[in-house]
Amino acid sequence: MISSENVSHWSLVDFIKIEARSGFTSKNFFSDENVNANNPAFTSSQTETTFRAGAESTTVQIVKKMADLAQLEKFVAMGFKEGMSVTLKNLDDLLATLSQRS
């Protein structure tokens, strides 16, 4: 991810549990460009993502758990909100493209 200040941020995802069609749990880290997340300057979170199918749509719920408020503040300061917005926009675009193919 590249911030509006043109600073690169890298991330790493470690999948803990995957349940087909219902969700997954992962540990998420900010890292350096060499996938080194062991630096104490980087923060991490645990994420539970669940999917609930409806008649014409699917609801996606994302719950992030941080070690403490300081970790949350650091996560936000490193661009989580902006990165998540871009990610969800890309997902919307992908789903729109896929639905046009059906």
Protein backbone atom coordinates (compact mmCIF):
# COMPACT_ATOMS: atom_id res chain seq x y z
CA MET A 1 0.00 0.00 0.00
CA ILE A 2 1.29 3.47 -0.84
CA SER A 3 0.03 6.34 1.30
CA SER A 4 -1.00 9.75 0.05
CA GLU A 5 2.45 10.92 1.22
CA ASN A 6 3.98 8.34 -1.19
CA VAL A 7 5.19 6.11 1.69
CA SER A 8 5.07 2.35 1.10
CA HIS A 9 3.55 0.07 3.74
CA TRP A 10 3.65 -3.71 3.52
CA SER A 11 1.46 -6.30 5.19
CA LEU A 12 1.47 -10.01 5.93
CA VAL A 13 -1.51 -12.29 6.59
CA ASP A 14 -1.24 -15.60 8.47
CA PHE A 15 -4.43 -17.63 8.05
CA ILE A 16 -5.30 -19.40 11.30
CA LYS A 17 -8.58 -21.06 10.32
CA ILE A 18 -10.53 -21.25 7.06
CA GLU A 19 -14.12 -22.47 6.95
CA ALA A 20 -15.38 -22.90 3.40
CA ARG A 21 -18.28 -20.59 2.56
CA SER A 22 -18.59 -19.25 6.10
CA GLY A 23 -15.41 -17.36 6.95
CA PHE A 24 -11.82 -17.29 8.11
CA THR A 25 -9.64 -16.12 10.97
CA SER A 26 -6.27 -14.52 10.33
CA LYS A 27 -3.44 -12.73 12.06
CA ASN A 28 -2.50 -9.55 10.20
CA PHE A 29 0.81 -7.71 10.47
CA PHE A 30 2.35 -4.61 9.03
CA SER A 31 5.81 -5.63 7.81
CA ASP A 32 8.73 -4.40 5.79
CA GLU A 33 9.27 -5.07 2.07
CA ASN A 34 11.09 -8.32 2.97
CA VAL A 35 8.03 -9.68 4.83
CA ASN A 36 9.71 -9.10 8.21
CA ALA A 37 6.95 -8.55 10.76
CA ASN A 38 9.14 -9.13 13.81
CA ASN A 39 10.06 -5.46 14.19
CA PRO A 40 8.37 -4.03 17.31
CA ALA A 41 7.62 -0.86 15.30
CA PHE A 42 5.04 -2.90 13.36
CA THR A 43 1.63 -3.69 14.79
CA SER A 44 -0.62 -6.71 14.37
CA SER A 45 -4.24 -7.72 14.78
CA GLN A 46 -6.42 -10.79 14.68
CA THR A 47 -9.25 -10.64 12.16
CA GLU A 48 -12.41 -12.73 12.03
CA THR A 49 -14.18 -12.49 8.67
CA THR A 50 -17.58 -14.16 8.29
CA PHE A 51 -19.96 -14.48 5.36
CA ARG A 52 -23.75 -14.74 5.72
CA ALA A 53 -25.66 -15.60 2.56
CA GLY A 54 -29.02 -13.99 1.94
CA ALA A 55 -31.56 -14.47 -0.82
CA GLU A 56 -29.95 -11.90 -3.13
CA SER A 57 -26.85 -10.73 -1.30
CA THR A 58 -24.12 -11.84 1.07
CA THR A 59 -23.19 -9.96 4.22
CA VAL A 60 -19.50 -9.81 5.09
CA GLN A 61 -18.60 -9.02 8.70
CA ILE A 62 -14.99 -8.14 9.59
CA VAL A 63 -13.99 -7.95 13.26
CA LYS A 64 -10.46 -6.82 14.14
CA LYS A 65 -9.00 -7.47 17.59
CA MET A 66 -6.02 -5.45 18.75
CA ALA A 67 -3.78 -6.02 21.78
CA ASP A 68 -4.60 -2.57 23.17
CA LEU A 69 -5.65 0.95 22.23
CA ALA A 70 -2.08 1.99 21.41
CA GLN A 71 -1.87 -0.81 18.82
CA LEU A 72 -5.18 0.30 17.30
CA GLU A 73 -3.99 3.90 17.09
CA LYS A 74 -0.75 2.80 15.43
CA PHE A 75 -2.66 0.62 12.96
CA VAL A 76 -4.84 3.58 11.98
CA ALA A 77 -1.84 5.92 11.76
CA MET A 78 -0.10 3.49 9.38
CA GLY A 79 -3.00 3.75 6.92
CA PHE A 80 -5.39 0.93 7.81
CA LYS A 81 -8.53 2.98 7.09
CA GLU A 82 -7.31 4.11 3.67
CA GLY A 83 -6.01 0.66 2.79
CA MET A 84 -9.26 -1.01 3.80
CA SER A 85 -11.27 1.50 1.76
CA VAL A 86 -9.19 0.71 -1.34
CA THR A 87 -9.51 -3.03 -0.69
CA LEU A 88 -13.30 -2.89 -0.39
CA LYS A 89 -13.57 -0.70 -3.51
CA ASN A 90 -11.51 -3.26 -5.43
CA LEU A 91 -13.77 -6.03 -4.13
CA ASP A 92 -16.87 -4.10 -5.23
CA ASP A 93 -15.35 -3.67 -8.70
CA LEU A 94 -14.44 -7.36 -8.94
CA LEU A 95 -17.89 -8.50 -7.86
CA ALA A 96 -19.54 -6.13 -10.35
CA THR A 97 -17.34 -7.54 -13.14
CA LEU A 98 -18.09 -11.12 -12.15
CA SER A 99 -21.84 -10.49 -11.95
CA GLN A 100 -21.82 -9.07 -15.50
CA ARG A 101 -20.31 -12.35 -16.75
CA SER A 102 -23.17 -14.42 -15.31
